[in-house]
C-alpha atoms as a PDB file:
ATOM      1  CA  MET A   1     144.913 157.301  53.502  1.00  0.00           C
ATOM      2  CA  THR A   2     141.202 157.131  54.106  1.00  0.00           C
ATOM      3  CA  THR A   3     140.067 157.999  57.637  1.00  0.00           C
ATOM      4  CA  GLU A   4     136.533 156.636  57.426  1.00  0.00           C
ATOM      5  CA  ASN A   5     135.548 153.532  59.337  1.00  0.00           C
ATOM      6  CA  ALA A   6     135.640 150.529  57.022  1.00  0.00           C
ATOM      7  CA  SER A   7     133.443 147.442  57.119  1.00  0.00           C
ATOM      8  CA  ILE A   8     134.884 144.019  56.375  1.00  0.00           C
ATOM      9  CA  ALA A   9     131.668 143.029  54.584  1.00  0.00           C
ATOM     10  CA  VAL A  10     131.792 143.597  50.821  1.00  0.00           C
ATOM     11  CA  PRO A  11     129.239 141.175  49.298  1.00  0.00           C
ATOM     12  CA  GLY A  12     130.564 141.323  45.737  1.00  0.00           C
ATOM     13  CA  VAL A  13     134.059 140.317  46.821  1.00  0.00           C
ATOM     14  CA  ALA A  14     132.776 137.607  49.168  1.00  0.00           C
ATOM     15  CA  GLN A  15     130.637 136.041  46.440  1.00  0.00           C
ATOM     16  CA  ALA A  16     133.427 136.049  43.844  1.00  0.00           C
ATOM     17  CA  HIS A  17     135.868 134.564  46.331  1.00  0.00           C
ATOM     18  CA  SER A  18     133.409 131.858  47.416  1.00  0.00           C
ATOM     19  CA  GLN A  19     132.766 130.811  43.824  1.00  0.00           C
ATOM     20  CA  GLU A  20     136.491 130.537  43.062  1.00  0.00           C
ATOM     21  CA  VAL A  21     137.141 128.397  46.143  1.00  0.00           C
ATOM     22  CA  ALA A  22     134.141 126.153  45.420  1.00  0.00           C
ATOM     23  CA  SER A  23     135.326 125.577  41.847  1.00  0.00           C
ATOM     24  CA  GLY A  24     138.823 124.595  43.027  1.00  0.00           C
ATOM     25  CA  ASN A  25     140.414 127.632  41.420  1.00  0.00           C
ATOM     26  CA  ARG A  26     141.492 129.325  44.661  1.00  0.00           C
ATOM     27  CA  PHE A  27     142.988 128.285  47.973  1.00  0.00           C
ATOM     28  CA  ALA A  28     141.052 129.305  51.080  1.00  0.00           C
ATOM     29  CA  PHE A  29     143.880 131.270  52.701  1.00  0.00           C
ATOM     30  CA  GLY A  30     141.502 132.599  55.338  1.00  0.00           C
ATOM     31  CA  ASP A  31     140.833 129.118  56.739  1.00  0.00           C
ATOM     32  CA  ASN A  32     144.567 128.622  57.161  1.00  0.00           C
ATOM     33  CA  TRP A  33     144.997 132.003  58.870  1.00  0.00           C
ATOM     34  CA  HIS A  34     142.061 131.280  61.173  1.00  0.00           C
ATOM     35  CA  ARG A  35     143.954 128.275  62.534  1.00  0.00           C
ATOM     36  CA  TYR A  36     147.154 130.325  62.818  1.00  0.00           C
ATOM     37  CA  LEU A  37     145.402 132.838  65.087  1.00  0.00           C
ATOM     38  CA  LYS A  38     145.191 130.133  67.747  1.00  0.00           C
ATOM     39  CA  ILE A  39     148.979 130.258  68.239  1.00  0.00           C
ATOM     40  CA  VAL A  40     149.589 133.991  67.838  1.00  0.00           C
ATOM     41  CA  ASP A  41     151.226 135.325  70.987  1.00  0.00           C
ATOM     42  CA  ASP A  42     153.334 138.294  72.060  1.00  0.00           C
ATOM     43  CA  LYS A  43     156.552 136.584  70.999  1.00  0.00           C
ATOM     44  CA  ARG A  44     155.336 136.014  67.441  1.00  0.00           C
ATOM     45  CA  ILE A  45     154.028 139.565  67.248  1.00  0.00           C
ATOM     46  CA  GLU A  46     157.388 140.904  68.393  1.00  0.00           C
ATOM     47  CA  ARG A  47     159.115 138.867  65.659  1.00  0.00           C
ATOM     48  CA  ALA A  48     156.800 140.468  63.107  1.00  0.00           C
ATOM     49  CA  VAL A  49     157.625 143.913  64.493  1.00  0.00           C
ATOM     50  CA  GLU A  50     161.353 143.179  64.276  1.00  0.00           C
ATOM     51  CA  SER A  51     160.956 141.915  60.704  1.00  0.00           C
ATOM     52  CA  LEU A  52     159.351 145.197  59.611  1.00  0.00           C
ATOM     53  CA  GLN A  53     161.993 147.238  61.412  1.00  0.00           C
ATOM     54  CA  ALA A  54     164.805 145.271  59.774  1.00  0.00           C
ATOM     55  CA  MET A  55     163.508 145.298  56.204  1.00  0.00           C
ATOM     56  CA  LEU A  56     162.271 148.894  56.265  1.00  0.00           C
ATOM     57  CA  GLU A  57     165.362 149.974  58.238  1.00  0.00           C
ATOM     58  CA  VAL A  58     163.349 151.997  60.748  1.00  0.00           C
ATOM     59  CA  LYS A  59     162.940 152.127  64.525  1.00  0.00           C
ATOM     60  CA  ASP A  60     159.284 153.103  64.323  1.00  0.00           C
ATOM     61  CA  LEU A  61     156.574 154.236  61.901  1.00  0.00           C
ATOM     62  CA  GLN A  62     155.274 157.232  63.825  1.00  0.00           C
ATOM     63  CA  GLY A  63     153.459 159.636  61.527  1.00  0.00           C
ATOM     64  CA  LYS A  64     153.476 157.158  58.626  1.00  0.00           C
ATOM     65  CA  SER A  65     150.571 155.554  56.763  1.00  0.00           C
ATOM     66  CA  PHE A  66     150.750 151.818  56.051  1.00  0.00           C
ATOM     67  CA  LEU A  67     148.718 149.846  53.498  1.00  0.00           C
ATOM     68  CA  ASP A  68     148.673 146.065  54.015  1.00  0.00           C
ATOM     69  CA  ILE A  69     147.561 144.397  50.791  1.00  0.00           C
ATOM     70  CA  GLY A  70     146.439 140.836  51.468  1.00  0.00           C
ATOM     71  CA  SER A  71     146.670 141.180  55.234  1.00  0.00           C
ATOM     72  CA  GLY A  72     145.997 137.493  55.971  1.00  0.00           C
ATOM     73  CA  SER A  73     146.163 136.888  59.705  1.00  0.00           C
ATOM     74  CA  GLY A  74     146.705 140.598  60.281  1.00  0.00           C
ATOM     75  CA  ILE A  75     149.915 140.111  62.247  1.00  0.00           C
ATOM     76  CA  PHE A  76     151.906 142.559  60.115  1.00  0.00           C
ATOM     77  CA  SER A  77     149.147 145.139  60.203  1.00  0.00           C
ATOM     78  CA  LEU A  78     149.294 144.760  63.964  1.00  0.00           C
ATOM     79  CA  ALA A  79     153.078 145.087  63.888  1.00  0.00           C
ATOM     80  CA  ALA A  80     152.841 148.289  61.840  1.00  0.00           C
ATOM     81  CA  ARG A  81     150.249 149.722  64.215  1.00  0.00           C
ATOM     82  CA  ARG A  82     152.451 148.892  67.209  1.00  0.00           C
ATOM     83  CA  LEU A  83     155.228 150.800  65.482  1.00  0.00           C
ATOM     84  CA  GLY A  84     152.936 153.833  65.327  1.00  0.00           C
ATOM     85  CA  ALA A  85     151.635 153.751  61.748  1.00  0.00           C
ATOM     86  CA  ARG A  86     148.095 154.564  60.626  1.00  0.00           C
ATOM     87  CA  VAL A  87     147.059 151.285  59.042  1.00  0.00           C
ATOM     88  CA  PHE A  88     144.622 150.230  56.351  1.00  0.00           C
ATOM     89  CA  SER A  89     144.365 146.449  55.837  1.00  0.00           C
ATOM     90  CA  PHE A  90     142.458 144.533  53.200  1.00  0.00           C
ATOM     91  CA  ASP A  91     142.256 140.998  51.897  1.00  0.00           C
ATOM     92  CA  TYR A  92     140.374 139.360  49.044  1.00  0.00           C
ATOM     93  CA  ASP A  93     139.469 136.422  51.295  1.00  0.00           C
ATOM     94  CA  PRO A  94     136.641 137.558  53.637  1.00  0.00           C
ATOM     95  CA  ARG A  95     137.734 135.116  56.338  1.00  0.00           C
ATOM     96  CA  ALA A  96     141.293 136.458  56.192  1.00  0.00           C
ATOM     97  CA  ALA A  97     139.912 139.980  56.568  1.00  0.00           C
ATOM     98  CA  ALA A  98     137.952 138.687  59.561  1.00  0.00           C
ATOM     99  CA  CYS A  99     141.199 137.318  61.037  1.00  0.00           C
ATOM    100  CA  THR A 100     142.785 140.750  60.701  1.00  0.00           C
ATOM    101  CA  GLN A 101     139.712 142.261  62.315  1.00  0.00           C
ATOM    102  CA  GLU A 102     140.037 139.782  65.179  1.00  0.00           C
ATOM    103  CA  LEU A 103     143.643 140.785  65.870  1.00  0.00           C
ATOM    104  CA  LYS A 104     142.551 144.415  65.799  1.00  0.00           C
ATOM    105  CA  ARG A 105     139.828 143.573  68.328  1.00  0.00           C
ATOM    106  CA  ARG A 106     142.323 141.847  70.607  1.00  0.00           C
ATOM    107  CA  TYR A 107     144.950 144.570  70.624  1.00  0.00           C
ATOM    108  CA  PHE A 108     143.487 147.824  69.221  1.00  0.00           C
ATOM    109  CA  GLU A 109     139.731 147.609  69.696  1.00  0.00           C
ATOM    110  CA  HIS A 110     137.879 150.831  68.775  1.00  0.00           C
ATOM    111  CA  ASP A 111     141.085 152.285  67.306  1.00  0.00           C
ATOM    112  CA  ARG A 112     140.221 154.605  64.401  1.00  0.00           C
ATOM    113  CA  GLU A 113     143.816 154.583  63.149  1.00  0.00           C
ATOM    114  CA  TRP A 114     143.495 150.979  61.915  1.00  0.00           C
ATOM    115  CA  GLN A 115     140.882 150.128  59.290  1.00  0.00           C
ATOM    116  CA  VAL A 116     140.070 146.665  57.877  1.00  0.00           C
ATOM    117  CA  GLN A 117     138.144 145.764  54.721  1.00  0.00           C
ATOM    118  CA  THR A 118     137.749 143.139  52.027  1.00  0.00           C
ATOM    119  CA  GLY A 119     139.022 144.138  48.610  1.00  0.00           C
ATOM    120  CA  SER A 120     141.062 143.050  45.626  1.00  0.00           C
ATOM    121  CA  ALA A 121     144.476 144.134  44.371  1.00  0.00           C
ATOM    122  CA  LEU A 122     143.019 143.764  40.873  1.00  0.00           C
ATOM    123  CA  ASP A 123     140.269 146.316  41.552  1.00  0.00           C
ATOM    124  CA  ARG A 124     141.745 149.587  40.313  1.00  0.00           C
ATOM    125  CA  GLU A 125     138.709 151.618  41.385  1.00  0.00           C
ATOM    126  CA  PHE A 126     138.924 150.256  44.933  1.00  0.00           C
ATOM    127  CA  LEU A 127     142.666 150.956  45.153  1.00  0.00           C
ATOM    128  CA  GLY A 128     142.144 154.438  43.744  1.00  0.00           C
ATOM    129  CA  ARG A 129     139.718 155.275  46.543  1.00  0.00           C
ATOM    130  CA  LEU A 130     142.305 154.359  49.170  1.00  0.00           C
ATOM    131  CA  GLY A 131     144.779 157.018  48.072  1.00  0.00           C
ATOM    132  CA  ARG A 132     148.535 156.994  48.620  1.00  0.00           C
ATOM    133  CA  PHE A 133     150.523 155.635  51.560  1.00  0.00           C
ATOM    134  CA  ASP A 134     154.015 156.097  52.941  1.00  0.00           C
ATOM    135  CA  ILE A 135     154.459 152.318  53.029  1.00  0.00           C
ATOM    136  CA  VAL A 136     152.683 149.762  50.865  1.00  0.00           C
ATOM    137  CA  TYR A 137     153.238 146.219  52.110  1.00  0.00           C
ATOM    138  CA  SER A 138     152.274 142.953  50.438  1.00  0.00           C
ATOM    139  CA  TRP A 139     154.066 139.783  51.511  1.00  0.00           C
ATOM    140  CA  GLY A 140     153.466 136.629  49.472  1.00  0.00           C
ATOM    141  CA  VAL A 141     150.178 137.876  48.056  1.00  0.00           C
ATOM    142  CA  LEU A 142     150.298 139.394  44.580  1.00  0.00           C
ATOM    143  CA  HIS A 143     151.434 136.171  42.885  1.00  0.00           C
ATOM    144  CA  HIS A 144     148.161 134.602  44.104  1.00  0.00           C
ATOM    145  CA  THR A 145     145.833 137.136  42.467  1.00  0.00           C
ATOM    146  CA  GLY A 146     145.671 135.391  39.096  1.00  0.00           C
ATOM    147  CA  ASP A 147     147.195 138.439  37.374  1.00  0.00           C
ATOM    148  CA  LEU A 148     150.607 139.108  38.913  1.00  0.00           C
ATOM    149  CA  TRP A 149     151.724 141.842  36.543  1.00  0.00           C
ATOM    150  CA  GLY A 150     148.388 143.621  36.627  1.00  0.00           C
ATOM    151  CA  ALA A 151     148.502 143.594  40.440  1.00  0.00           C
ATOM    152  CA  LEU A 152     152.080 144.900  40.477  1.00  0.00           C
ATOM    153  CA  ALA A 153     151.040 147.777  38.226  1.00  0.00           C
ATOM    154  CA  ASN A 154     147.930 148.487  40.296  1.00  0.00           C
ATOM    155  CA  VAL A 155     149.658 148.806  43.671  1.00  0.00           C
ATOM    156  CA  ASP A 156     152.051 151.364  42.225  1.00  0.00           C
ATOM    157  CA  ARG A 157     149.233 153.904  42.367  1.00  0.00           C
ATOM    158  CA  ASN A 158     149.060 153.603  46.166  1.00  0.00           C
ATOM    159  CA  VAL A 159     152.704 154.443  46.880  1.00  0.00           C
ATOM    160  CA  ALA A 160     153.308 158.080  47.836  1.00  0.00           C
ATOM    161  CA  GLU A 161     156.231 159.999  46.353  1.00  0.00           C
ATOM    162  CA  GLY A 162     159.257 159.073  48.413  1.00  0.00           C
ATOM    163  CA  GLY A 163     157.227 156.184  49.857  1.00  0.00           C
ATOM    164  CA  LYS A 164     158.321 152.567  50.149  1.00  0.00           C
ATOM    165  CA  LEU A 165     156.920 149.456  48.500  1.00  0.00           C
ATOM    166  CA  PHE A 166     157.714 146.258  50.434  1.00  0.00           C
ATOM    167  CA  ILE A 167     156.661 143.145  48.504  1.00  0.00           C
ATOM    168  CA  SER A 168     157.595 139.480  48.401  1.00  0.00           C
ATOM    169  CA  LEU A 169     156.947 137.321  45.361  1.00  0.00           C
ATOM    170  CA  ALA A 170     157.323 133.642  44.514  1.00  0.00           C
ATOM    171  CA  ASN A 171     160.666 132.794  42.968  1.00  0.00           C
ATOM    172  CA  ASP A 172     160.767 131.516  39.379  1.00  0.00           C
ATOM    173  CA  GLN A 173     162.404 128.073  39.392  1.00  0.00           C
ATOM    174  CA  GLY A 174     161.518 127.229  35.824  1.00  0.00           C
ATOM    175  CA  GLU A 175     160.315 123.636  35.494  1.00  0.00           C
ATOM    176  CA  ALA A 176     160.142 123.193  39.284  1.00  0.00           C
ATOM    177  CA  SER A 177     157.708 126.110  39.501  1.00  0.00           C
ATOM    178  CA  ARG A 178     155.497 124.492  36.894  1.00  0.00           C
ATOM    179  CA  ARG A 179     155.465 121.276  38.938  1.00  0.00           C
ATOM    180  CA  TRP A 180     154.511 123.240  42.056  1.00  0.00           C
ATOM    181  CA  THR A 181     151.677 124.873  40.117  1.00  0.00           C
ATOM    182  CA  THR A 182     150.343 121.406  39.287  1.00  0.00           C
ATOM    183  CA  VAL A 183     150.612 120.338  42.940  1.00  0.00           C
ATOM    184  CA  LYS A 184     148.687 123.421  44.043  1.00  0.00           C
ATOM    185  CA  MET A 185     145.982 122.853  41.452  1.00  0.00           C
ATOM    186  CA  LEU A 186     145.552 119.219  42.513  1.00  0.00           C
ATOM    187  CA  TYR A 187     145.364 120.185  46.191  1.00  0.00           C
ATOM    188  CA  ASN A 188     142.551 122.643  45.619  1.00  0.00           C
ATOM    189  CA  ARG A 189     140.516 120.270  43.465  1.00  0.00           C
ATOM    190  CA  MET A 190     140.610 117.215  45.721  1.00  0.00           C
ATOM    191  CA  PRO A 191     138.107 116.405  48.509  1.00  0.00           C
ATOM    192  CA  SER A 192     138.748 118.246  51.769  1.00  0.00           C
ATOM    193  CA  HIS A 193     139.308 115.043  53.781  1.00  0.00           C
ATOM    194  CA  LEU A 194     142.264 114.103  51.554  1.00  0.00           C
ATOM    195  CA  LYS A 195     144.078 117.424  51.584  1.00  0.00           C
ATOM    196  CA  GLY A 196     145.975 116.912  54.840  1.00  0.00           C
ATOM    197  CA  SER A 197     147.319 113.526  53.732  1.00  0.00           C
ATOM    198  CA  PHE A 198     148.239 114.923  50.336  1.00  0.00           C
ATOM    199  CA  ALA A 199     150.188 117.767  51.969  1.00  0.00           C
ATOM    200  CA  VAL A 200     152.153 115.276  54.091  1.00  0.00           C
ATOM    201  CA  LEU A 201     152.951 113.143  51.039  1.00  0.00           C
ATOM    202  CA  VAL A 202     154.182 116.206  49.143  1.00  0.00           C
ATOM    203  CA  TYR A 203     156.397 117.482  51.928  1.00  0.00           C
ATOM    204  CA  LEU A 204     157.712 114.175  53.295  1.00  0.00           C
ATOM    205  CA  PRO A 205     160.374 113.663  50.557  1.00  0.00           C
ATOM    206  CA  LEU A 206     161.503 117.283  50.909  1.00  0.00           C
ATOM    207  CA  GLU A 207     161.816 117.040  54.678  1.00  0.00           C
ATOM    208  CA  LEU A 208     163.582 113.673  54.481  1.00  0.00           C
ATOM    209  CA  ARG A 209     166.114 115.229  52.109  1.00  0.00           C
ATOM    210  CA  LYS A 210     166.766 118.056  54.559  1.00  0.00           C
ATOM    211  CA  PHE A 211     167.092 115.613  57.465  1.00  0.00           C
ATOM    212  CA  VAL A 212     169.522 113.351  55.575  1.00  0.00           C
ATOM    213  CA  GLY A 213     171.526 116.428  54.647  1.00  0.00           C
ATOM    214  CA  SER A 214     171.805 117.430  58.307  1.00  0.00           C
ATOM    215  CA  LEU A 215     172.814 113.845  59.200  1.00  0.00           C
ATOM    216  CA  ALA A 216     175.536 113.900  56.534  1.00  0.00           C
ATOM    217  CA  LYS A 217     176.941 117.019  58.165  1.00  0.00           C
ATOM    218  CA  GLY A 218     176.822 115.389  61.591  1.00  0.00           C
ATOM    219  CA  ARG A 219     174.250 117.894  62.810  1.00  0.00           C
ATOM    220  CA  PRO A 220     170.840 116.168  62.976  1.00  0.00           C
ATOM    221  CA  GLN A 221     169.762 118.584  65.705  1.00  0.00           C
ATOM    222  CA  ALA A 222     170.018 121.429  63.196  1.00  0.00           C
ATOM    223  CA  TYR A 223     167.049 120.019  61.267  1.00  0.00           C
ATOM    224  CA  PHE A 224     164.786 119.830  64.314  1.00  0.00           C
ATOM    225  CA  SER A 225     165.994 123.210  65.546  1.00  0.00           C
ATOM    226  CA  SER A 226     165.013 124.816  62.232  1.00  0.00           C
ATOM    227  CA  ILE A 227     161.425 123.618  62.721  1.00  0.00           C
ATOM    228  CA  TRP A 228     161.261 124.371  66.441  1.00  0.00           C
ATOM    229  CA  ASN A 229     162.570 127.905  65.927  1.00  0.00           C
ATOM    230  CA  TYR A 230     160.613 128.602  62.743  1.00  0.00           C
ATOM    231  CA  GLY A 231     158.588 131.299  64.494  1.00  0.00           C
ATOM    232  CA  VAL A 232     161.759 133.397  64.652  1.00  0.00           C
ATOM    233  CA  ASN A 233     161.190 133.900  60.924  1.00  0.00           C
ATOM    234  CA  ARG A 234     158.659 136.751  60.877  1.00  0.00           C
ATOM    235  CA  GLY A 235     156.616 135.132  63.675  1.00  0.00           C
ATOM    236  CA  MET A 236     155.080 132.612  61.304  1.00  0.00           C
ATOM    237  CA  SER A 237     154.094 128.944  61.748  1.00  0.00           C
ATOM    238  CA  TRP A 238     156.054 126.134  60.046  1.00  0.00           C
ATOM    239  CA  TRP A 239     153.022 123.922  59.323  1.00  0.00           C
ATOM    240  CA  ARG A 240     150.628 126.711  58.398  1.00  0.00           C
ATOM    241  CA  ASP A 241     153.217 128.172  56.015  1.00  0.00           C
ATOM    242  CA  ASN A 242     153.717 124.758  54.417  1.00  0.00           C
ATOM    243  CA  ILE A 243     149.970 124.368  53.886  1.00  0.00           C
ATOM    244  CA  ASP A 244     149.868 127.903  52.513  1.00  0.00           C
ATOM    245  CA  TRP A 245     152.645 126.999  50.061  1.00  0.00           C
ATOM    246  CA  ILE A 246     151.155 123.681  48.923  1.00  0.00           C
ATOM    247  CA  GLY A 247     147.651 125.088  48.535  1.00  0.00           C
ATOM    248  CA  GLY A 248     148.463 128.620  47.369  1.00  0.00           C
ATOM    249  CA  TYR A 249     146.619 128.904  44.068  1.00  0.00           C
ATOM    250  CA  PRO A 250     146.362 130.808  41.696  1.00  0.00           C
ATOM    251  CA  PHE A 251     150.138 130.901  41.468  1.00  0.00           C
ATOM    252  CA  GLN A 252     152.579 132.856  39.323  1.00  0.00           C
ATOM    253  CA  VAL A 253     156.313 133.340  39.639  1.00  0.00           C
ATOM    254  CA  SER A 254     158.878 135.983  38.757  1.00  0.00           C
ATOM    255  CA  LYS A 255     162.631 136.534  38.632  1.00  0.00           C
ATOM    256  CA  PRO A 256     164.327 139.325  40.601  1.00  0.00           C
ATOM    257  CA  GLU A 257     165.583 141.006  37.427  1.00  0.00           C
ATOM    258  CA  GLU A 258     162.044 141.114  36.032  1.00  0.00           C
ATOM    259  CA  ILE A 259     160.704 142.826  39.145  1.00  0.00           C
ATOM    260  CA  LEU A 260     163.572 145.302  39.307  1.00  0.00           C
ATOM    261  CA  ASP A 261     163.173 146.224  35.636  1.00  0.00           C
ATOM    262  CA  PHE A 262     159.403 146.557  36.064  1.00  0.00           C
ATOM    263  CA  TYR A 263     159.627 149.027  38.924  1.00  0.00           C
ATOM    264  CA  ARG A 264     162.708 150.855  37.675  1.00  0.00           C
ATOM    265  CA  ALA A 265     160.668 151.785  34.618  1.00  0.00           C
ATOM    266  CA  ARG A 266     158.050 153.221  36.994  1.00  0.00           C
ATOM    267  CA  GLY A 267     160.507 155.421  38.855  1.00  0.00           C
ATOM    268  CA  TYR A 268     161.552 153.229  41.787  1.00  0.00           C
ATOM    269  CA  THR A 269     164.936 152.623  43.386  1.00  0.00           C
ATOM    270  CA  LEU A 270     165.797 149.326  45.077  1.00  0.00           C
ATOM    271  CA  LEU A 271     166.645 149.813  48.754  1.00  0.00           C
ATOM    272  CA  LYS A 272     166.906 146.217  49.914  1.00  0.00           C
ATOM    273  CA  MET A 273     166.441 142.714  48.536  1.00  0.00           C
ATOM    274  CA  THR A 274     166.681 139.165  49.864  1.00  0.00           C
ATOM    275  CA  THR A 275     166.298 136.173  47.577  1.00  0.00           C
ATOM    276  CA  CYS A 276     165.850 132.451  48.085  1.00  0.00           C
ATOM    277  CA  GLY A 277     168.495 131.594  45.496  1.00  0.00           C
ATOM    278  CA  ARG A 278     167.451 128.631  43.395  1.00  0.00           C
ATOM    279  CA  GLY A 279     165.038 127.285  45.957  1.00  0.00           C
ATOM    280  CA  HIS A 280     161.273 127.581  46.231  1.00  0.00           C
ATOM    281  CA  GLY A 281     159.926 130.400  48.323  1.00  0.00           C
ATOM    282  CA  CYS A 282     159.672 134.158  48.027  1.00  0.00           C
ATOM    283  CA  ASN A 283     162.070 136.936  47.098  1.00  0.00           C
ATOM    284  CA  GLU A 284     161.665 140.124  49.143  1.00  0.00           C
ATOM    285  CA  TYR A 285     162.010 143.648  47.762  1.00  0.00           C
ATOM    286  CA  VAL A 286     161.936 147.044  49.404  1.00  0.00           C
ATOM    287  CA  LEU A 287     161.708 149.759  46.755  1.00  0.00           C
ATOM    288  CA  GLN A 288     161.337 153.505  47.059  1.00  0.00           C
ATOM    289  CA  ARG A 289     159.301 155.653  44.719  1.00  0.00           C
ATOM    290  CA  ASN A 290     161.461 158.513  43.500  1.00  0.00           C
ATOM    291  CA  PRO A 291     159.988 161.996  44.089  1.00  0.00           C
ATOM    292  CA  GLN A 292     158.922 163.753  40.909  1.00  0.00           C
ATOM    293  CA  PRO A 293     161.044 166.784  39.920  1.00  0.00           C
ATOM    294  CA  GLY A 294     159.539 170.099  40.986  1.00  0.00           C
ATOM    295  CA  ASN A 295     157.561 168.733  43.927  1.00  0.00           C
ATOM    296  CA  GLY A 296     159.979 170.059  46.510  1.00  0.00           C
ATOM    297  CA  ARG A 297     160.718 166.614  47.933  1.00  0.00           C
END
């Protein structure tokens, strides 16, 4: 892991990102994360810490290096740093990188063990300069790069021997995924003042279906409880996650067997996996890079 101080200003990345957003070909994730920062508190941060501990099956990350690819709000970079890891965070969206920088300022200002920068998971030269890490983390990011399989191959180079790769990727629902892709494309290409209303119209039928289902079971409170307690899930925000889902474009999907085959061929072993079944959402994978023979590990 690099130990040099890193700036969040990389003009080439910022310009490319700005052009993609302006053309309607990319969702402005950073704007969404900027709003999320207003509700980040110690409870949400603790949920993020617990999520990392549970999925990585560790009590702490003392002595470990942690690469957060597509750091977004920065809450999981913060969680990793609280667990004792040396952290390098980057995001393609300059405003998202700024959000990560803001969380660093709030909780670890002047800390040289946490670096933040803009960068792309499709930039092999950039990733090569970062070196290898004990843990490479990328939650709900690589399927938004525009080249999912290229990104999956690229991040492999950052995982140390014996290191862990923790990724989550959008589930392939077949025809439903293609419909969601159309929804996302429409959202990004419509005027800003219509996007909120569009998001409500998209989600209203889905939420009504969930509510009716809870009524049929005689448990209407379960529906409202799931929204009220949404922050228990990784410390996230129900509304901000919904906007992220509706607007998240570019968008590609994958099946668990495809991901497992892809990384098995690259010398990884699956340690843990959670899937969303047939529903929309992300499948989570924790994989470990097998040490090469003769390296004494």
